[in-house]
Protein backbone atom coordinates (compact mmCIF):
# COMPACT_ATOMS: atom_id res chain seq x y z
CA MET A 1 20.43 79.44 -30.63
CA GLY A 2 18.34 76.68 -31.98
CA GLU A 3 19.48 75.19 -35.34
CA PHE A 4 17.26 75.27 -38.27
CA HIS A 5 18.27 72.03 -40.10
CA THR A 6 16.96 68.47 -40.25
CA GLY A 7 19.75 67.28 -38.03
CA ASN A 8 17.97 69.07 -35.12
CA PRO A 9 15.10 66.90 -33.84
CA VAL A 10 13.33 70.00 -32.33
CA PHE A 11 13.24 71.68 -35.91
CA VAL A 12 12.19 68.34 -37.39
CA THR A 13 9.28 68.32 -34.89
CA TYR A 14 8.34 71.85 -35.85
CA VAL A 15 8.59 70.89 -39.72
CA VAL A 16 6.20 68.06 -39.18
CA ALA A 17 3.64 70.04 -37.17
CA ALA A 18 3.83 73.14 -39.53
CA ALA A 19 3.43 71.06 -42.66
CA LEU A 20 0.53 69.15 -41.16
CA THR A 21 -1.06 72.50 -40.25
CA VAL A 22 -0.36 73.93 -43.76
CA LEU A 23 -2.22 70.82 -45.25
CA LYS A 24 -5.08 71.50 -42.66
CA VAL A 25 -5.46 75.09 -43.82
CA MET A 26 -5.21 74.49 -47.53
CA GLY A 27 -7.40 71.39 -47.29
CA GLN A 28 -10.29 73.31 -45.70
CA GLY A 29 -10.12 75.88 -48.30
CA TRP A 30 -10.49 73.06 -50.97
CA MET A 31 -13.21 71.52 -48.84
CA THR A 32 -15.30 74.75 -48.98
CA VAL A 33 -14.75 74.79 -52.84
CA TYR A 34 -16.08 71.22 -52.81
CA ARG A 35 -19.03 72.03 -50.70
CA MET A 36 -19.93 75.02 -52.98
CA MET A 37 -19.73 72.93 -56.01
CA ARG A 38 -21.71 69.90 -54.49
CA ALA A 39 -24.53 72.47 -53.07
CA GLY A 40 -24.49 74.59 -56.33
CA GLY A 41 -24.46 77.59 -54.12
CA GLY A 42 -23.24 79.28 -50.98
CA TYR A 43 -21.33 81.68 -53.13
CA ALA A 44 -19.77 84.62 -51.29
CA ALA A 45 -19.81 87.49 -53.94
CA PRO A 46 -22.14 88.88 -56.58
CA GLU A 47 -19.56 88.16 -59.27
CA ASP A 48 -19.75 84.60 -58.59
CA LEU A 49 -23.14 84.58 -60.57
CA ARG A 50 -21.37 85.31 -63.83
CA PRO A 51 -21.77 82.37 -66.27
CA GLY A 52 -18.84 80.20 -66.61
CA LEU A 53 -17.64 76.47 -67.19
CA ILE A 54 -18.61 75.45 -63.70
CA ASN A 55 -21.70 77.66 -63.09
CA ARG A 56 -23.41 77.73 -66.46
CA ALA A 57 -26.86 78.68 -65.18
CA PRO A 58 -26.22 81.17 -62.34
CA ASP A 59 -29.17 82.14 -60.03
CA PRO A 60 -29.34 84.71 -57.53
CA SER A 61 -30.29 82.00 -54.89
CA GLN A 62 -26.82 80.76 -55.21
CA LEU A 63 -25.68 83.78 -52.98
CA ALA A 64 -28.04 82.69 -50.17
CA VAL A 65 -26.39 81.52 -46.87
CA ASN A 66 -25.81 77.75 -47.06
CA ASP A 67 -24.94 76.24 -43.81
CA TYR A 68 -23.34 73.19 -45.40
CA VAL A 69 -20.87 75.73 -47.15
CA GLU A 70 -20.69 78.12 -44.43
CA ARG A 71 -19.77 75.59 -41.79
CA SER A 72 -16.59 74.79 -43.90
CA ARG A 73 -15.98 78.45 -44.55
CA ARG A 74 -16.14 79.22 -40.75
CA MET A 75 -13.80 76.17 -40.03
CA HIS A 76 -11.33 77.68 -42.59
CA ARG A 77 -11.52 81.11 -41.07
CA ASN A 78 -10.90 79.68 -37.70
CA ASP A 79 -7.73 78.05 -38.92
CA LEU A 80 -6.73 81.22 -40.43
CA GLU A 81 -7.18 82.95 -37.31
CA ASN A 82 -5.25 80.53 -35.18
CA ILE A 83 -2.69 78.41 -36.97
CA PRO A 84 -0.47 81.37 -38.29
CA ALA A 85 0.23 82.20 -34.68
CA PHE A 86 1.56 78.70 -34.16
CA TRP A 87 3.90 78.92 -37.16
CA ALA A 88 5.49 82.10 -35.81
CA ALA A 89 5.72 80.98 -32.20
CA GLY A 90 6.99 77.54 -33.29
CA LEU A 91 9.80 79.19 -34.99
CA LEU A 92 10.66 81.41 -32.02
CA PHE A 93 10.48 78.39 -29.87
CA VAL A 94 12.88 76.35 -32.07
CA ALA A 95 15.30 79.39 -31.97
CA VAL A 96 15.62 79.11 -28.14
CA SER A 97 16.34 75.19 -28.13
CA PRO A 98 13.69 73.95 -25.91
CA PRO A 99 14.11 70.20 -24.71
CA LEU A 100 12.95 67.89 -27.41
CA TRP A 101 10.16 66.22 -25.11
CA LEU A 102 8.72 69.65 -24.47
CA ALA A 103 8.72 70.57 -28.29
CA GLN A 104 7.24 67.38 -29.26
CA GLY A 105 4.38 67.57 -26.54
CA LEU A 106 3.50 71.15 -27.42
CA MET A 107 3.74 71.18 -31.13
CA TYR A 108 2.18 67.71 -31.55
CA GLY A 109 -0.44 68.74 -28.88
CA PHE A 110 -1.27 71.89 -30.95
CA VAL A 111 -1.79 69.59 -34.08
CA ALA A 112 -4.03 67.24 -32.16
CA ALA A 113 -5.96 70.04 -30.62
CA ARG A 114 -6.46 71.71 -34.09
CA ALA A 115 -7.75 68.13 -35.41
CA ALA A 116 -9.99 67.65 -32.47
CA HIS A 117 -11.39 71.12 -33.06
CA ALA A 118 -11.88 70.43 -36.70
CA VAL A 119 -13.83 67.21 -35.96
CA ALA A 120 -15.88 68.98 -33.30
CA TYR A 121 -16.91 71.68 -35.77
CA ALA A 122 -17.53 69.43 -38.64
CA THR A 123 -19.90 67.43 -36.43
CA ALA A 124 -21.74 70.35 -35.06
CA GLN A 125 -20.65 69.94 -31.37
CA SER A 126 -21.43 72.55 -28.88
CA HIS A 127 -19.35 75.66 -28.49
CA GLU A 128 -18.20 74.48 -25.26
CA VAL A 129 -16.57 71.38 -27.06
CA ARG A 130 -15.00 73.49 -29.76
CA ALA A 131 -13.80 76.04 -27.20
CA THR A 132 -12.18 73.48 -25.29
CA PHE A 133 -9.99 72.34 -28.12
CA TYR A 134 -9.36 76.00 -29.17
CA THR A 135 -8.23 76.86 -25.69
CA ILE A 136 -5.88 73.87 -25.46
CA GLY A 137 -4.26 75.02 -28.85
CA SER A 138 -4.28 78.63 -27.82
CA LEU A 139 -2.51 77.98 -24.47
CA ILE A 140 0.01 75.83 -26.46
CA VAL A 141 0.88 78.80 -28.58
CA VAL A 142 1.04 81.29 -25.68
CA ALA A 143 3.22 78.92 -23.76
CA MET A 144 5.74 78.57 -26.67
CA ALA A 145 5.78 82.34 -26.96
CA VAL A 146 6.34 82.94 -23.23
CA TYR A 147 9.22 80.18 -23.30
CA ALA A 148 10.96 82.04 -26.18
CA LEU A 149 10.64 85.29 -24.30
CA VAL A 150 11.88 83.98 -21.03
CA ALA A 151 14.91 82.09 -22.68
CA VAL A 152 16.03 85.29 -24.18
CA PHE A 153 16.06 87.21 -20.91
């Protein structure tokens, strides 16, 4: 069984990769907030039109779709649909003690694929480009889960 402490380099690899992806998920949420504030709109719910310190003069147009905000919101949703599976599969993977080279290749590969996906999305690349990076990340998560299953049987 894999050891979950910082003396285990496979676990350290997971910690680094997981921490980077946590920062990505949280950072994308803050990026969406920044974009809403900068655009003065792109709000998601009717209650967002209540006057407050940040939105002193609400206007119904602030609920209109704003692609500048929506692009960030879609990126955040995509992260939330993909990264948690990596966190779970990564822990299972560590638990079955894979070789360090394999753990580093897969886990850092996932981080790189998600970073490339984010750049592709942020720069409005085609679906095919985004899908390529999504596919790489997805196959990595599947490979870690299958490796863990095979290791326990």
